[in-house]
Amino acid sequence: MKKATGEALAKTAYEAAQIPFHGYLSGKDSNLEPIIRPFPNWTLKEADGLWCAAFVYFCCREAGYEIPIRPNECITCHLAGCIAWEEFAMGDSRIAYHPGEDTCFPRTGDIVLYNRVFCNQPHDHMGIIVQKLKNTLIVAEGNIQNQSGIISRPMDAHIRAYIRIPDGYTYE
């Protein structure tokens, strides 16, 4: 099994984003089955347009992180929901959680949580940082207009928090 690292997560996310995964697009059936497979009773139709957090989970697992779909720290839902990632990170002291205004913190392989990007709600979108520039993040995301991709995002007030899962992390 791969040793889970932030670098491996960034590489995995970059490659997965370029497949690209997508929900139901004009004339195309969804290819999200590998993304939603871990989440029981979640259908392709239900996931359509709502799968950014599941994409992050998929990438974490592919990069070697051993994390259940619903760690005990997740109160609201399983890790197919952005809020669950925040609950997970804040509840496990081994995981670093930093507010978005901490512009010195993020690095390649960190997870970024956004506010008011997707549907004008708190913690409504997320992705995995593949590169940090001066005031910009290059991020692999699922569900950018219902498909995966690499996008440039400013380091601004839309960033809710950064999550760093330590190298070699295994949920216990």
C-alpha atoms as a PDB file:
ATOM      1  CA  MET A   1       0.000   0.000   0.000  1.00  0.00           C
ATOM      2  CA  LYS A   2       1.157   3.547  -0.743  1.00  0.00           C
ATOM      3  CA  LYS A   3       2.459   5.700   2.067  1.00  0.00           C
ATOM      4  CA  ALA A   4      -0.050   8.514   2.293  1.00  0.00           C
ATOM      5  CA  THR A   5       1.574  11.941   1.968  1.00  0.00           C
ATOM      6  CA  GLY A   6       0.444  15.423   1.045  1.00  0.00           C
ATOM      7  CA  GLU A   7       2.561  15.232  -2.109  1.00  0.00           C
ATOM      8  CA  ALA A   8       0.907  11.933  -3.094  1.00  0.00           C
ATOM      9  CA  LEU A   9      -2.518  13.462  -2.424  1.00  0.00           C
ATOM     10  CA  ALA A  10      -1.775  16.476  -4.645  1.00  0.00           C
ATOM     11  CA  LYS A  11      -0.482  14.236  -7.452  1.00  0.00           C
ATOM     12  CA  THR A  12      -3.462  11.883  -7.177  1.00  0.00           C
ATOM     13  CA  ALA A  13      -5.933  14.784  -7.156  1.00  0.00           C
ATOM     14  CA  TYR A  14      -4.256  16.430 -10.142  1.00  0.00           C
ATOM     15  CA  GLU A  15      -4.463  13.217 -12.162  1.00  0.00           C
ATOM     16  CA  ALA A  16      -8.045  12.420 -11.094  1.00  0.00           C
ATOM     17  CA  ALA A  17      -9.235  15.937 -11.932  1.00  0.00           C
ATOM     18  CA  GLN A  18      -8.000  15.514 -15.483  1.00  0.00           C
ATOM     19  CA  ILE A  19      -9.842  12.256 -16.217  1.00  0.00           C
ATOM     20  CA  PRO A  20     -12.281  14.206 -16.012  1.00  0.00           C
ATOM     21  CA  PHE A  21     -14.991  12.880 -13.744  1.00  0.00           C
ATOM     22  CA  HIS A  22     -18.399  14.370 -14.402  1.00  0.00           C
ATOM     23  CA  GLY A  23     -22.031  14.144 -13.445  1.00  0.00           C
ATOM     24  CA  TYR A  24     -24.789  14.170 -16.018  1.00  0.00           C
ATOM     25  CA  LEU A  25     -23.719  16.616 -18.705  1.00  0.00           C
ATOM     26  CA  SER A  26     -25.544  17.401 -21.912  1.00  0.00           C
ATOM     27  CA  GLY A  27     -25.419  14.186 -23.892  1.00  0.00           C
ATOM     28  CA  LYS A  28     -23.177  12.340 -21.400  1.00  0.00           C
ATOM     29  CA  ASP A  29     -24.035   9.847 -18.698  1.00  0.00           C
ATOM     30  CA  SER A  30     -22.373  10.340 -15.314  1.00  0.00           C
ATOM     31  CA  ASN A  31     -19.032   8.605 -14.694  1.00  0.00           C
ATOM     32  CA  LEU A  32     -19.050   9.300 -10.931  1.00  0.00           C
ATOM     33  CA  GLU A  33     -19.519   5.681  -9.871  1.00  0.00           C
ATOM     34  CA  PRO A  34     -15.916   5.336  -8.540  1.00  0.00           C
ATOM     35  CA  ILE A  35     -16.357   8.599  -6.601  1.00  0.00           C
ATOM     36  CA  ILE A  36     -19.637   7.638  -4.913  1.00  0.00           C
ATOM     37  CA  ARG A  37     -19.023   3.871  -4.541  1.00  0.00           C
ATOM     38  CA  PRO A  38     -17.868   4.141  -0.889  1.00  0.00           C
ATOM     39  CA  PHE A  39     -21.052   5.941   0.155  1.00  0.00           C
ATOM     40  CA  PRO A  40     -23.879   3.420   0.562  1.00  0.00           C
ATOM     41  CA  ASN A  41     -27.310   4.300  -0.746  1.00  0.00           C
ATOM     42  CA  TRP A  42     -26.036   7.341  -2.659  1.00  0.00           C
ATOM     43  CA  THR A  43     -27.054   7.170  -6.304  1.00  0.00           C
ATOM     44  CA  LEU A  44     -25.513   8.819  -9.342  1.00  0.00           C
ATOM     45  CA  LYS A  45     -28.652  10.943  -9.664  1.00  0.00           C
ATOM     46  CA  GLU A  46     -28.439  12.109  -6.013  1.00  0.00           C
ATOM     47  CA  ALA A  47     -24.709  12.869  -6.341  1.00  0.00           C
ATOM     48  CA  ASP A  48     -25.154  14.841  -9.555  1.00  0.00           C
ATOM     49  CA  GLY A  49     -23.929  18.381  -8.937  1.00  0.00           C
ATOM     50  CA  LEU A  50     -23.065  17.670  -5.272  1.00  0.00           C
ATOM     51  CA  TRP A  51     -19.858  15.656  -5.261  1.00  0.00           C
ATOM     52  CA  CYS A  52     -16.863  17.906  -4.471  1.00  0.00           C
ATOM     53  CA  ALA A  53     -16.360  16.410  -0.989  1.00  0.00           C
ATOM     54  CA  ALA A  54     -16.725  12.856  -2.317  1.00  0.00           C
ATOM     55  CA  PHE A  55     -14.029  13.702  -4.884  1.00  0.00           C
ATOM     56  CA  VAL A  56     -11.698  14.770  -2.043  1.00  0.00           C
ATOM     57  CA  TYR A  57     -12.457  11.535  -0.174  1.00  0.00           C
ATOM     58  CA  PHE A  58     -11.801   9.484  -3.332  1.00  0.00           C
ATOM     59  CA  CYS A  59      -8.441  11.212  -3.819  1.00  0.00           C
ATOM     60  CA  CYS A  60      -7.467  10.694  -0.169  1.00  0.00           C
ATOM     61  CA  ARG A  61      -8.188   6.973  -0.412  1.00  0.00           C
ATOM     62  CA  GLU A  62      -6.376   6.660  -3.758  1.00  0.00           C
ATOM     63  CA  ALA A  63      -3.350   8.434  -2.239  1.00  0.00           C
ATOM     64  CA  GLY A  64      -3.200   5.865   0.578  1.00  0.00           C
ATOM     65  CA  TYR A  65      -4.987   7.570   3.466  1.00  0.00           C
ATOM     66  CA  GLU A  66      -7.078   5.145   5.488  1.00  0.00           C
ATOM     67  CA  ILE A  67     -10.156   7.077   6.552  1.00  0.00           C
ATOM     68  CA  PRO A  68     -13.663   5.642   7.060  1.00  0.00           C
ATOM     69  CA  ILE A  69     -16.551   7.308   5.242  1.00  0.00           C
ATOM     70  CA  ARG A  70     -17.924   8.573   8.541  1.00  0.00           C
ATOM     71  CA  PRO A  71     -15.323   9.005  11.268  1.00  0.00           C
ATOM     72  CA  ASN A  72     -16.660   9.407  14.806  1.00  0.00           C
ATOM     73  CA  GLU A  73     -15.829  13.130  14.640  1.00  0.00           C
ATOM     74  CA  CYS A  74     -18.389  13.644  11.856  1.00  0.00           C
ATOM     75  CA  ILE A  75     -21.628  14.751  13.482  1.00  0.00           C
ATOM     76  CA  THR A  76     -23.649  16.067  10.553  1.00  0.00           C
ATOM     77  CA  CYS A  77     -22.990  13.564   7.757  1.00  0.00           C
ATOM     78  CA  HIS A  78     -20.362  11.342   6.141  1.00  0.00           C
ATOM     79  CA  LEU A  79     -17.337  12.649   4.224  1.00  0.00           C
ATOM     80  CA  ALA A  80     -19.348  13.225   1.037  1.00  0.00           C
ATOM     81  CA  GLY A  81     -20.337  16.528   2.706  1.00  0.00           C
ATOM     82  CA  CYS A  82     -18.031  19.531   3.128  1.00  0.00           C
ATOM     83  CA  ILE A  83     -19.191  20.203   6.680  1.00  0.00           C
ATOM     84  CA  ALA A  84     -18.162  16.664   7.666  1.00  0.00           C
ATOM     85  CA  TRP A  85     -14.570  17.396   6.596  1.00  0.00           C
ATOM     86  CA  GLU A  86     -14.537  20.413   8.888  1.00  0.00           C
ATOM     87  CA  GLU A  87     -15.977  18.384  11.783  1.00  0.00           C
ATOM     88  CA  PHE A  88     -13.459  15.600  11.130  1.00  0.00           C
ATOM     89  CA  ALA A  89     -10.469  17.959  11.037  1.00  0.00           C
ATOM     90  CA  MET A  90     -11.549  19.937  14.087  1.00  0.00           C
ATOM     91  CA  GLY A  91     -12.282  16.776  16.078  1.00  0.00           C
ATOM     92  CA  ASP A  92      -9.049  14.866  15.409  1.00  0.00           C
ATOM     93  CA  SER A  93      -6.074  16.580  17.046  1.00  0.00           C
ATOM     94  CA  ARG A  94      -3.654  14.897  14.627  1.00  0.00           C
ATOM     95  CA  ILE A  95      -5.142  16.846  11.713  1.00  0.00           C
ATOM     96  CA  ALA A  96      -4.170  20.497  11.272  1.00  0.00           C
ATOM     97  CA  TYR A  97      -7.093  22.891  10.799  1.00  0.00           C
ATOM     98  CA  HIS A  98      -6.306  26.541  10.033  1.00  0.00           C
ATOM     99  CA  PRO A  99      -8.666  29.425   9.277  1.00  0.00           C
ATOM    100  CA  GLY A 100      -8.610  30.746   5.732  1.00  0.00           C
ATOM    101  CA  GLU A 101      -7.035  34.063   6.682  1.00  0.00           C
ATOM    102  CA  ASP A 102      -3.802  32.205   7.561  1.00  0.00           C
ATOM    103  CA  THR A 103      -2.173  32.759   4.157  1.00  0.00           C
ATOM    104  CA  CYS A 104       1.172  31.348   5.348  1.00  0.00           C
ATOM    105  CA  PHE A 105      -0.284  27.936   6.155  1.00  0.00           C
ATOM    106  CA  PRO A 106      -1.433  26.268   2.922  1.00  0.00           C
ATOM    107  CA  ARG A 107       0.865  24.033   0.929  1.00  0.00           C
ATOM    108  CA  THR A 108       0.643  21.410  -1.769  1.00  0.00           C
ATOM    109  CA  GLY A 109      -1.551  18.512  -0.669  1.00  0.00           C
ATOM    110  CA  ASP A 110      -3.669  20.497   1.786  1.00  0.00           C
ATOM    111  CA  ILE A 111      -7.446  20.437   1.528  1.00  0.00           C
ATOM    112  CA  VAL A 112      -9.158  23.804   1.138  1.00  0.00           C
ATOM    113  CA  LEU A 113     -12.717  24.487   2.323  1.00  0.00           C
ATOM    114  CA  TYR A 114     -14.623  27.380   0.782  1.00  0.00           C
ATOM    115  CA  ASN A 115     -17.529  29.569   1.809  1.00  0.00           C
ATOM    116  CA  ARG A 116     -20.008  30.924  -0.727  1.00  0.00           C
ATOM    117  CA  VAL A 117     -18.346  29.600  -3.888  1.00  0.00           C
ATOM    118  CA  PHE A 118     -20.826  27.028  -5.091  1.00  0.00           C
ATOM    119  CA  CYS A 119     -24.234  27.885  -3.624  1.00  0.00           C
ATOM    120  CA  ASN A 120     -23.689  30.982  -1.454  1.00  0.00           C
ATOM    121  CA  GLN A 121     -23.575  28.962   1.775  1.00  0.00           C
ATOM    122  CA  PRO A 122     -20.865  28.380   4.395  1.00  0.00           C
ATOM    123  CA  HIS A 123     -18.550  25.417   3.668  1.00  0.00           C
ATOM    124  CA  ASP A 124     -20.206  24.829   0.297  1.00  0.00           C
ATOM    125  CA  HIS A 125     -17.216  23.642  -1.755  1.00  0.00           C
ATOM    126  CA  MET A 126     -13.756  22.130  -1.359  1.00  0.00           C
ATOM    127  CA  GLY A 127     -10.718  20.852  -3.202  1.00  0.00           C
ATOM    128  CA  ILE A 128      -7.087  19.790  -2.904  1.00  0.00           C
ATOM    129  CA  ILE A 129      -4.239  22.255  -3.375  1.00  0.00           C
ATOM    130  CA  VAL A 130      -1.840  21.184  -6.127  1.00  0.00           C
ATOM    131  CA  GLN A 131       0.224  24.387  -6.072  1.00  0.00           C
ATOM    132  CA  LYS A 132       0.413  27.547  -3.983  1.00  0.00           C
ATOM    133  CA  LEU A 133       1.420  30.773  -5.672  1.00  0.00           C
ATOM    134  CA  LYS A 134       1.795  34.167  -3.983  1.00  0.00           C
ATOM    135  CA  ASN A 135      -1.914  35.056  -3.643  1.00  0.00           C
ATOM    136  CA  THR A 136      -3.454  32.226  -5.614  1.00  0.00           C
ATOM    137  CA  LEU A 137      -4.069  28.522  -5.171  1.00  0.00           C
ATOM    138  CA  ILE A 138      -4.115  26.007  -8.002  1.00  0.00           C
ATOM    139  CA  VAL A 139      -6.699  23.459  -6.863  1.00  0.00           C
ATOM    140  CA  ALA A 140      -7.973  20.078  -8.068  1.00  0.00           C
ATOM    141  CA  GLU A 141     -11.718  20.049  -7.553  1.00  0.00           C
ATOM    142  CA  GLY A 142     -14.687  17.876  -8.241  1.00  0.00           C
ATOM    143  CA  ASN A 143     -17.923  19.491  -9.317  1.00  0.00           C
ATOM    144  CA  ILE A 144     -16.735  22.577 -11.179  1.00  0.00           C
ATOM    145  CA  GLN A 145     -19.919  22.977 -13.208  1.00  0.00           C
ATOM    146  CA  ASN A 146     -20.482  19.239 -12.569  1.00  0.00           C
ATOM    147  CA  GLN A 147     -17.059  18.053 -13.722  1.00  0.00           C
ATOM    148  CA  SER A 148     -13.611  17.710 -12.212  1.00  0.00           C
ATOM    149  CA  GLY A 149     -10.778  20.000 -13.141  1.00  0.00           C
ATOM    150  CA  ILE A 150      -7.875  22.166 -12.113  1.00  0.00           C
ATOM    151  CA  ILE A 151      -8.808  25.734 -11.224  1.00  0.00           C
ATOM    152  CA  SER A 152      -7.031  28.852 -10.034  1.00  0.00           C
ATOM    153  CA  ARG A 153      -8.620  30.385  -6.919  1.00  0.00           C
ATOM    154  CA  PRO A 154      -7.598  33.612  -5.181  1.00  0.00           C
ATOM    155  CA  MET A 155      -6.617  33.429  -1.536  1.00  0.00           C
ATOM    156  CA  ASP A 156      -9.494  35.620  -0.387  1.00  0.00           C
ATOM    157  CA  ALA A 157     -12.458  35.744   1.980  1.00  0.00           C
ATOM    158  CA  HIS A 158     -14.086  32.752   0.249  1.00  0.00           C
ATOM    159  CA  ILE A 159     -11.543  30.430   1.867  1.00  0.00           C
ATOM    160  CA  ARG A 160     -13.017  29.082   5.061  1.00  0.00           C
ATOM    161  CA  ALA A 161     -10.151  26.855   6.197  1.00  0.00           C
ATOM    162  CA  TYR A 162      -7.218  24.664   5.293  1.00  0.00           C
ATOM    163  CA  ILE A 163      -6.948  21.060   6.414  1.00  0.00           C
ATOM    164  CA  ARG A 164      -3.654  19.176   6.503  1.00  0.00           C
ATOM    165  CA  ILE A 165      -3.787  15.448   7.048  1.00  0.00           C
ATOM    166  CA  PRO A 166      -0.389  14.308   8.333  1.00  0.00           C
ATOM    167  CA  ASP A 167       1.781  12.027   6.219  1.00  0.00           C
ATOM    168  CA  GLY A 168       1.153   8.379   7.047  1.00  0.00           C
ATOM    169  CA  TYR A 169      -2.180   9.176   8.734  1.00  0.00           C
ATOM    170  CA  THR A 170      -4.420   6.209   9.521  1.00  0.00           C
ATOM    171  CA  TYR A 171      -7.733   6.656  11.286  1.00  0.00           C
ATOM    172  CA  GLU A 172      -7.961   4.670  14.517  1.00  0.00           C
END
